[in-house]
Amino acid sequence: SDMATNKENLQLAYDRTCQALADLSLNPRPNYSIDGRSYSWQSLFDSLLKRQESLLMAMQKDDGPFEIVSWPPGA
């Protein structure tokens, strides 16, 4: 079977990151704690933004044109 190219893998990761950011934005959740561990949705959002930025940089280094999808829409 065909192996996905680096470019395709980067694009897929980028698309999924954009989707996760969109989902968090549309369905904001409060921060909460379970068994002494806290979960911060803002931290998750921030880390997704950082991942999105690093994937974008990696894609731009790779050859070939990329369709850049900005988030939020219209930004």
PDB file of N, CA and C in Angstrom:
ATOM      1  N   SER A   1       0.842  -1.195   0.000  1.00  0.00           N
ATOM      2  CA  SER A   1       0.000   0.000   0.000  1.00  0.00           C
ATOM      3  C   SER A   1       0.881   1.250   0.000  1.00  0.00           C
ATOM      4  N   ASP A   2       0.342   2.331  -0.510  1.00  0.00           N
ATOM      5  CA  ASP A   2       1.117   3.565  -0.602  1.00  0.00           C
ATOM      6  C   ASP A   2       1.324   4.180   0.778  1.00  0.00           C
ATOM      7  N   MET A   3       2.535   4.611   1.005  1.00  0.00           N
ATOM      8  CA  MET A   3       2.822   5.313   2.249  1.00  0.00           C
ATOM      9  C   MET A   3       2.484   6.787   2.035  1.00  0.00           C
ATOM     10  N   ALA A   4       1.930   7.408   3.048  1.00  0.00           N
ATOM     11  CA  ALA A   4       1.625   8.834   2.944  1.00  0.00           C
ATOM     12  C   ALA A   4       2.937   9.610   2.913  1.00  0.00           C
ATOM     13  N   THR A   5       2.949  10.666   2.146  1.00  0.00           N
ATOM     14  CA  THR A   5       4.156  11.492   2.090  1.00  0.00           C
ATOM     15  C   THR A   5       4.220  12.351   3.350  1.00  0.00           C
ATOM     16  N   ASN A   6       5.414  12.881   3.590  1.00  0.00           N
ATOM     17  CA  ASN A   6       5.598  13.783   4.716  1.00  0.00           C
ATOM     18  C   ASN A   6       4.611  14.945   4.629  1.00  0.00           C
ATOM     19  N   LYS A   7       4.459  15.472   3.422  1.00  0.00           N
ATOM     20  CA  LYS A   7       3.551  16.598   3.195  1.00  0.00           C
ATOM     21  C   LYS A   7       2.114  16.221   3.554  1.00  0.00           C
ATOM     22  N   GLU A   8       1.697  15.030   3.135  1.00  0.00           N
ATOM     23  CA  GLU A   8       0.325  14.574   3.444  1.00  0.00           C
ATOM     24  C   GLU A   8       0.136  14.385   4.948  1.00  0.00           C
ATOM     25  N   ASN A   9       1.162  13.843   5.606  1.00  0.00           N
ATOM     26  CA  ASN A   9       1.075  13.656   7.053  1.00  0.00           C
ATOM     27  C   ASN A   9       0.980  14.986   7.783  1.00  0.00           C
ATOM     28  N   LEU A  10       1.784  15.952   7.337  1.00  0.00           N
ATOM     29  CA  LEU A  10       1.739  17.280   7.945  1.00  0.00           C
ATOM     30  C   LEU A  10       0.369  17.918   7.731  1.00  0.00           C
ATOM     31  N   GLN A  11      -0.154  17.786   6.514  1.00  0.00           N
ATOM     32  CA  GLN A  11      -1.457  18.389   6.203  1.00  0.00           C
ATOM     33  C   GLN A  11      -2.553  17.759   7.052  1.00  0.00           C
ATOM     34  N   LEU A  12      -2.505  16.438   7.211  1.00  0.00           N
ATOM     35  CA  LEU A  12      -3.503  15.748   8.014  1.00  0.00           C
ATOM     36  C   LEU A  12      -3.432  16.199   9.480  1.00  0.00           C
ATOM     37  N   ALA A  13      -2.215  16.275  10.006  1.00  0.00           N
ATOM     38  CA  ALA A  13      -2.040  16.720  11.395  1.00  0.00           C
ATOM     39  C   ALA A  13      -2.543  18.149  11.556  1.00  0.00           C
ATOM     40  N   TYR A  14      -2.258  18.990  10.563  1.00  0.00           N
ATOM     41  CA  TYR A  14      -2.702  20.382  10.599  1.00  0.00           C
ATOM     42  C   TYR A  14      -4.226  20.465  10.559  1.00  0.00           C
ATOM     43  N   ASP A  15      -4.820  19.702   9.647  1.00  0.00           N
ATOM     44  CA  ASP A  15      -6.287  19.694   9.538  1.00  0.00           C
ATOM     45  C   ASP A  15      -6.935  19.257  10.847  1.00  0.00           C
ATOM     46  N   ARG A  16      -6.377  18.208  11.460  1.00  0.00           N
ATOM     47  CA  ARG A  16      -6.937  17.701  12.719  1.00  0.00           C
ATOM     48  C   ARG A  16      -6.773  18.714  13.844  1.00  0.00           C
ATOM     49  N   THR A  17      -5.643  19.428  13.838  1.00  0.00           N
ATOM     50  CA  THR A  17      -5.414  20.453  14.850  1.00  0.00           C
ATOM     51  C   THR A  17      -6.421  21.590  14.681  1.00  0.00           C
ATOM     52  N   CYS A  18      -6.645  22.002  13.435  1.00  0.00           N
ATOM     53  CA  CYS A  18      -7.647  23.043  13.162  1.00  0.00           C
ATOM     54  C   CYS A  18      -9.030  22.594  13.621  1.00  0.00           C
ATOM     55  N   GLN A  19      -9.347  21.333  13.373  1.00  0.00           N
ATOM     56  CA  GLN A  19     -10.644  20.790  13.779  1.00  0.00           C
ATOM     57  C   GLN A  19     -10.781  20.789  15.295  1.00  0.00           C
ATOM     58  N   ALA A  20      -9.704  20.413  15.984  1.00  0.00           N
ATOM     59  CA  ALA A  20      -9.735  20.391  17.449  1.00  0.00           C
ATOM     60  C   ALA A  20      -9.909  21.803  18.006  1.00  0.00           C
ATOM     61  N   LEU A  21      -9.253  22.774  17.403  1.00  0.00           N
ATOM     62  CA  LEU A  21      -9.403  24.167  17.827  1.00  0.00           C
ATOM     63  C   LEU A  21     -10.832  24.648  17.584  1.00  0.00           C
ATOM     64  N   ALA A  22     -11.373  24.286  16.438  1.00  0.00           N
ATOM     65  CA  ALA A  22     -12.744  24.677  16.118  1.00  0.00           C
ATOM     66  C   ALA A  22     -13.718  24.064  17.123  1.00  0.00           C
ATOM     67  N   ASP A  23     -13.501  22.794  17.436  1.00  0.00           N
ATOM     68  CA  ASP A  23     -14.385  22.099  18.376  1.00  0.00           C
ATOM     69  C   ASP A  23     -14.327  22.744  19.762  1.00  0.00           C
ATOM     70  N   LEU A  24     -13.109  23.055  20.225  1.00  0.00           N
ATOM     71  CA  LEU A  24     -12.973  23.686  21.533  1.00  0.00           C
ATOM     72  C   LEU A  24     -13.627  25.057  21.552  1.00  0.00           C
ATOM     73  N   SER A  25     -13.523  25.776  20.434  1.00  0.00           N
ATOM     74  CA  SER A  25     -14.108  27.114  20.365  1.00  0.00           C
ATOM     75  C   SER A  25     -15.629  27.062  20.349  1.00  0.00           C
ATOM     76  N   LEU A  26     -16.163  26.066  19.650  1.00  0.00           N
ATOM     77  CA  LEU A  26     -17.612  25.947  19.555  1.00  0.00           C
ATOM     78  C   LEU A  26     -18.218  25.333  20.809  1.00  0.00           C
ATOM     79  N   ASN A  27     -17.428  24.526  21.510  1.00  0.00           N
ATOM     80  CA  ASN A  27     -17.921  23.841  22.707  1.00  0.00           C
ATOM     81  C   ASN A  27     -16.975  24.088  23.878  1.00  0.00           C
ATOM     82  N   PRO A  28     -16.905  25.352  24.340  1.00  0.00           N
ATOM     83  CA  PRO A  28     -15.975  25.646  25.430  1.00  0.00           C
ATOM     84  C   PRO A  28     -16.339  24.863  26.679  1.00  0.00           C
ATOM     85  N   ARG A  29     -15.329  24.410  27.373  1.00  0.00           N
ATOM     86  CA  ARG A  29     -15.559  23.644  28.592  1.00  0.00           C
ATOM     87  C   ARG A  29     -14.859  24.349  29.739  1.00  0.00           C
ATOM     88  N   PRO A  30     -15.418  24.246  30.926  1.00  0.00           N
ATOM     89  CA  PRO A  30     -14.751  24.882  32.067  1.00  0.00           C
ATOM     90  C   PRO A  30     -13.522  24.078  32.467  1.00  0.00           C
ATOM     91  N   ASN A  31     -12.606  24.745  33.182  1.00  0.00           N
ATOM     92  CA  ASN A  31     -11.493  24.011  33.780  1.00  0.00           C
ATOM     93  C   ASN A  31     -12.070  23.181  34.917  1.00  0.00           C
ATOM     94  N   TYR A  32     -11.471  22.031  35.180  1.00  0.00           N
ATOM     95  CA  TYR A  32     -11.997  21.206  36.251  1.00  0.00           C
ATOM     96  C   TYR A  32     -10.900  20.348  36.851  1.00  0.00           C
ATOM     97  N   SER A  33     -11.190  19.759  37.996  1.00  0.00           N
ATOM     98  CA  SER A  33     -10.241  18.896  38.680  1.00  0.00           C
ATOM     99  C   SER A  33     -10.871  17.548  38.956  1.00  0.00           C
ATOM    100  N   ILE A  34     -10.076  16.486  38.761  1.00  0.00           N
ATOM    101  CA  ILE A  34     -10.517  15.140  39.102  1.00  0.00           C
ATOM    102  C   ILE A  34      -9.365  14.463  39.834  1.00  0.00           C
ATOM    103  N   ASP A  35      -9.652  13.931  41.002  1.00  0.00           N
ATOM    104  CA  ASP A  35      -8.635  13.226  41.785  1.00  0.00           C
ATOM    105  C   ASP A  35      -7.353  14.044  41.938  1.00  0.00           C
ATOM    106  N   GLY A  36      -7.510  15.336  42.187  1.00  0.00           N
ATOM    107  CA  GLY A  36      -6.350  16.179  42.430  1.00  0.00           C
ATOM    108  C   GLY A  36      -5.601  16.624  41.184  1.00  0.00           C
ATOM    109  N   ARG A  37      -6.009  16.114  40.026  1.00  0.00           N
ATOM    110  CA  ARG A  37      -5.378  16.565  38.779  1.00  0.00           C
ATOM    111  C   ARG A  37      -6.279  17.594  38.128  1.00  0.00           C
ATOM    112  N   SER A  38      -5.699  18.722  37.745  1.00  0.00           N
ATOM    113  CA  SER A  38      -6.541  19.717  37.087  1.00  0.00           C
ATOM    114  C   SER A  38      -6.378  19.667  35.585  1.00  0.00           C
ATOM    115  N   TYR A  39      -7.461  19.975  34.918  1.00  0.00           N
ATOM    116  CA  TYR A  39      -7.500  19.970  33.464  1.00  0.00           C
ATOM    117  C   TYR A  39      -7.913  21.361  33.012  1.00  0.00           C
ATOM    118  N   SER A  40      -7.049  22.008  32.281  1.00  0.00           N
ATOM    119  CA  SER A  40      -7.331  23.354  31.815  1.00  0.00           C
ATOM    120  C   SER A  40      -7.581  23.332  30.316  1.00  0.00           C
ATOM    121  N   TRP A  41      -8.798  23.669  29.939  1.00  0.00           N
ATOM    122  CA  TRP A  41      -9.114  23.698  28.508  1.00  0.00           C
ATOM    123  C   TRP A  41      -8.376  24.840  27.825  1.00  0.00           C
ATOM    124  N   GLN A  42      -8.079  25.915  28.585  1.00  0.00           N
ATOM    125  CA  GLN A  42      -7.298  27.011  28.004  1.00  0.00           C
ATOM    126  C   GLN A  42      -5.885  26.529  27.678  1.00  0.00           C
ATOM    127  N   SER A  43      -5.318  25.710  28.554  1.00  0.00           N
ATOM    128  CA  SER A  43      -3.979  25.163  28.288  1.00  0.00           C
ATOM    129  C   SER A  43      -4.006  24.275  27.050  1.00  0.00           C
ATOM    130  N   LEU A  44      -5.058  23.474  26.929  1.00  0.00           N
ATOM    131  CA  LEU A  44      -5.208  22.614  25.758  1.00  0.00           C
ATOM    132  C   LEU A  44      -5.305  23.469  24.499  1.00  0.00           C
ATOM    133  N   PHE A  45      -6.120  24.505  24.565  1.00  0.00           N
ATOM    134  CA  PHE A  45      -6.301  25.402  23.426  1.00  0.00           C
ATOM    135  C   PHE A  45      -4.970  26.040  23.035  1.00  0.00           C
ATOM    136  N   ASP A  46      -4.235  26.524  24.052  1.00  0.00           N
ATOM    137  CA  ASP A  46      -2.934  27.155  23.802  1.00  0.00           C
ATOM    138  C   ASP A  46      -1.955  26.172  23.163  1.00  0.00           C
ATOM    139  N   SER A  47      -1.941  24.931  23.659  1.00  0.00           N
ATOM    140  CA  SER A  47      -1.008  23.951  23.099  1.00  0.00           C
ATOM    141  C   SER A  47      -1.400  23.580  21.665  1.00  0.00           C
ATOM    142  N   LEU A  48      -2.711  23.549  21.387  1.00  0.00           N
ATOM    143  CA  LEU A  48      -3.165  23.290  20.020  1.00  0.00           C
ATOM    144  C   LEU A  48      -2.740  24.424  19.083  1.00  0.00           C
ATOM    145  N   LEU A  49      -2.837  25.667  19.581  1.00  0.00           N
ATOM    146  CA  LEU A  49      -2.407  26.798  18.769  1.00  0.00           C
ATOM    147  C   LEU A  49      -0.916  26.711  18.459  1.00  0.00           C
ATOM    148  N   LYS A  50      -0.122  26.326  19.461  1.00  0.00           N
ATOM    149  CA  LYS A  50       1.324  26.184  19.249  1.00  0.00           C
ATOM    150  C   LYS A  50       1.608  25.074  18.237  1.00  0.00           C
ATOM    151  N   ARG A  51       0.879  23.964  18.358  1.00  0.00           N
ATOM    152  CA  ARG A  51       1.067  22.856  17.425  1.00  0.00           C
ATOM    153  C   ARG A  51       0.699  23.294  16.012  1.00  0.00           C
ATOM    154  N   GLN A  52      -0.415  24.021  15.901  1.00  0.00           N
ATOM    155  CA  GLN A  52      -0.859  24.504  14.595  1.00  0.00           C
ATOM    156  C   GLN A  52       0.233  25.370  13.960  1.00  0.00           C
ATOM    157  N   GLU A  53       0.825  26.249  14.765  1.00  0.00           N
ATOM    158  CA  GLU A  53       1.862  27.148  14.269  1.00  0.00           C
ATOM    159  C   GLU A  53       3.102  26.367  13.825  1.00  0.00           C
ATOM    160  N   SER A  54       3.520  25.381  14.620  1.00  0.00           N
ATOM    161  CA  SER A  54       4.718  24.620  14.253  1.00  0.00           C
ATOM    162  C   SER A  54       4.475  23.737  13.030  1.00  0.00           C
ATOM    163  N   LEU A  55       3.272  23.187  12.907  1.00  0.00           N
ATOM    164  CA  LEU A  55       2.938  22.399  11.710  1.00  0.00           C
ATOM    165  C   LEU A  55       2.946  23.282  10.468  1.00  0.00           C
ATOM    166  N   LEU A  56       2.422  24.489  10.628  1.00  0.00           N
ATOM    167  CA  LEU A  56       2.380  25.428   9.520  1.00  0.00           C
ATOM    168  C   LEU A  56       3.797  25.759   9.060  1.00  0.00           C
ATOM    169  N   MET A  57       4.694  25.995  10.013  1.00  0.00           N
ATOM    170  CA  MET A  57       6.083  26.291   9.675  1.00  0.00           C
ATOM    171  C   MET A  57       6.734  25.093   8.974  1.00  0.00           C
ATOM    172  N   ALA A  58       6.460  23.895   9.472  1.00  0.00           N
ATOM    173  CA  ALA A  58       7.026  22.689   8.861  1.00  0.00           C
ATOM    174  C   ALA A  58       6.507  22.512   7.435  1.00  0.00           C
ATOM    175  N   MET A  59       5.232  22.798   7.234  1.00  0.00           N
ATOM    176  CA  MET A  59       4.650  22.653   5.895  1.00  0.00           C
ATOM    177  C   MET A  59       5.249  23.672   4.934  1.00  0.00           C
ATOM    178  N   GLN A  60       5.486  24.879   5.417  1.00  0.00           N
ATOM    179  CA  GLN A  60       6.033  25.918   4.549  1.00  0.00           C
ATOM    180  C   GLN A  60       7.475  25.610   4.154  1.00  0.00           C
ATOM    181  N   LYS A  61       8.201  24.897   5.026  1.00  0.00           N
ATOM    182  CA  LYS A  61       9.564  24.487   4.690  1.00  0.00           C
ATOM    183  C   LYS A  61       9.534  23.401   3.617  1.00  0.00           C
ATOM    184  N   ASP A  62       8.529  22.539   3.711  1.00  0.00           N
ATOM    185  CA  ASP A  62       8.367  21.476   2.732  1.00  0.00           C
ATOM    186  C   ASP A  62       8.051  22.115   1.380  1.00  0.00           C
ATOM    187  N   ASP A  63       8.409  21.435   0.304  1.00  0.00           N
ATOM    188  CA  ASP A  63       8.120  21.990  -1.011  1.00  0.00           C
ATOM    189  C   ASP A  63       6.635  21.921  -1.314  1.00  0.00           C
ATOM    190  N   GLY A  64       6.217  22.796  -2.191  1.00  0.00           N
ATOM    191  CA  GLY A  64       4.843  22.709  -2.665  1.00  0.00           C
ATOM    192  C   GLY A  64       3.936  23.727  -2.020  1.00  0.00           C
ATOM    193  N   PRO A  65       2.918  24.127  -2.734  1.00  0.00           N
ATOM    194  CA  PRO A  65       1.970  25.107  -2.220  1.00  0.00           C
ATOM    195  C   PRO A  65       1.050  24.492  -1.173  1.00  0.00           C
ATOM    196  N   PHE A  66       0.669  25.284  -0.226  1.00  0.00           N
ATOM    197  CA  PHE A  66      -0.278  24.828   0.776  1.00  0.00           C
ATOM    198  C   PHE A  66      -1.435  25.783   0.846  1.00  0.00           C
ATOM    199  N   GLU A  67      -2.587  25.223   1.036  1.00  0.00           N
ATOM    200  CA  GLU A  67      -3.750  26.055   1.284  1.00  0.00           C
ATOM    201  C   GLU A  67      -3.726  26.387   2.764  1.00  0.00           C
ATOM    202  N   ILE A  68      -3.636  27.659   3.087  1.00  0.00           N
ATOM    203  CA  ILE A  68      -3.563  28.070   4.479  1.00  0.00           C
ATOM    204  C   ILE A  68      -4.969  28.385   4.969  1.00  0.00           C
ATOM    205  N   VAL A  69      -5.385  27.654   5.977  1.00  0.00           N
ATOM    206  CA  VAL A  69      -6.702  27.879   6.567  1.00  0.00           C
ATOM    207  C   VAL A  69      -6.488  28.634   7.862  1.00  0.00           C
ATOM    208  N   SER A  70      -6.935  29.873   7.902  1.00  0.00           N
ATOM    209  CA  SER A  70      -6.705  30.641   9.114  1.00  0.00           C
ATOM    210  C   SER A  70      -7.796  30.367  10.137  1.00  0.00           C
ATOM    211  N   TRP A  71      -7.420  30.454  11.389  1.00  0.00           N
ATOM    212  CA  TRP A  71      -8.376  30.314  12.469  1.00  0.00           C
ATOM    213  C   TRP A  71      -8.205  31.476  13.400  1.00  0.00           C
ATOM    214  N   PRO A  72      -9.253  32.153  13.813  1.00  0.00           N
ATOM    215  CA  PRO A  72     -10.652  31.867  13.453  1.00  0.00           C
ATOM    216  C   PRO A  72     -10.949  32.275  12.005  1.00  0.00           C
ATOM    217  N   PRO A  73     -12.057  31.759  11.470  1.00  0.00           N
ATOM    218  CA  PRO A  73     -12.412  32.088  10.090  1.00  0.00           C
ATOM    219  C   PRO A  73     -12.455  33.592   9.895  1.00  0.00           C
ATOM    220  N   GLY A  74     -11.891  34.039   8.794  1.00  0.00           N
ATOM    221  CA  GLY A  74     -11.897  35.459   8.492  1.00  0.00           C
ATOM    222  C   GLY A  74     -10.744  36.209   9.123  1.00  0.00           C
ATOM    223  N   ALA A  75      -9.899  35.528   9.903  1.00  0.00           N
ATOM    224  CA  ALA A  75      -8.786  36.211  10.552  1.00  0.00           C
ATOM    225  C   ALA A  75      -7.733  36.577   9.514  1.00  0.00           C
TER     226      ALA A  75
END
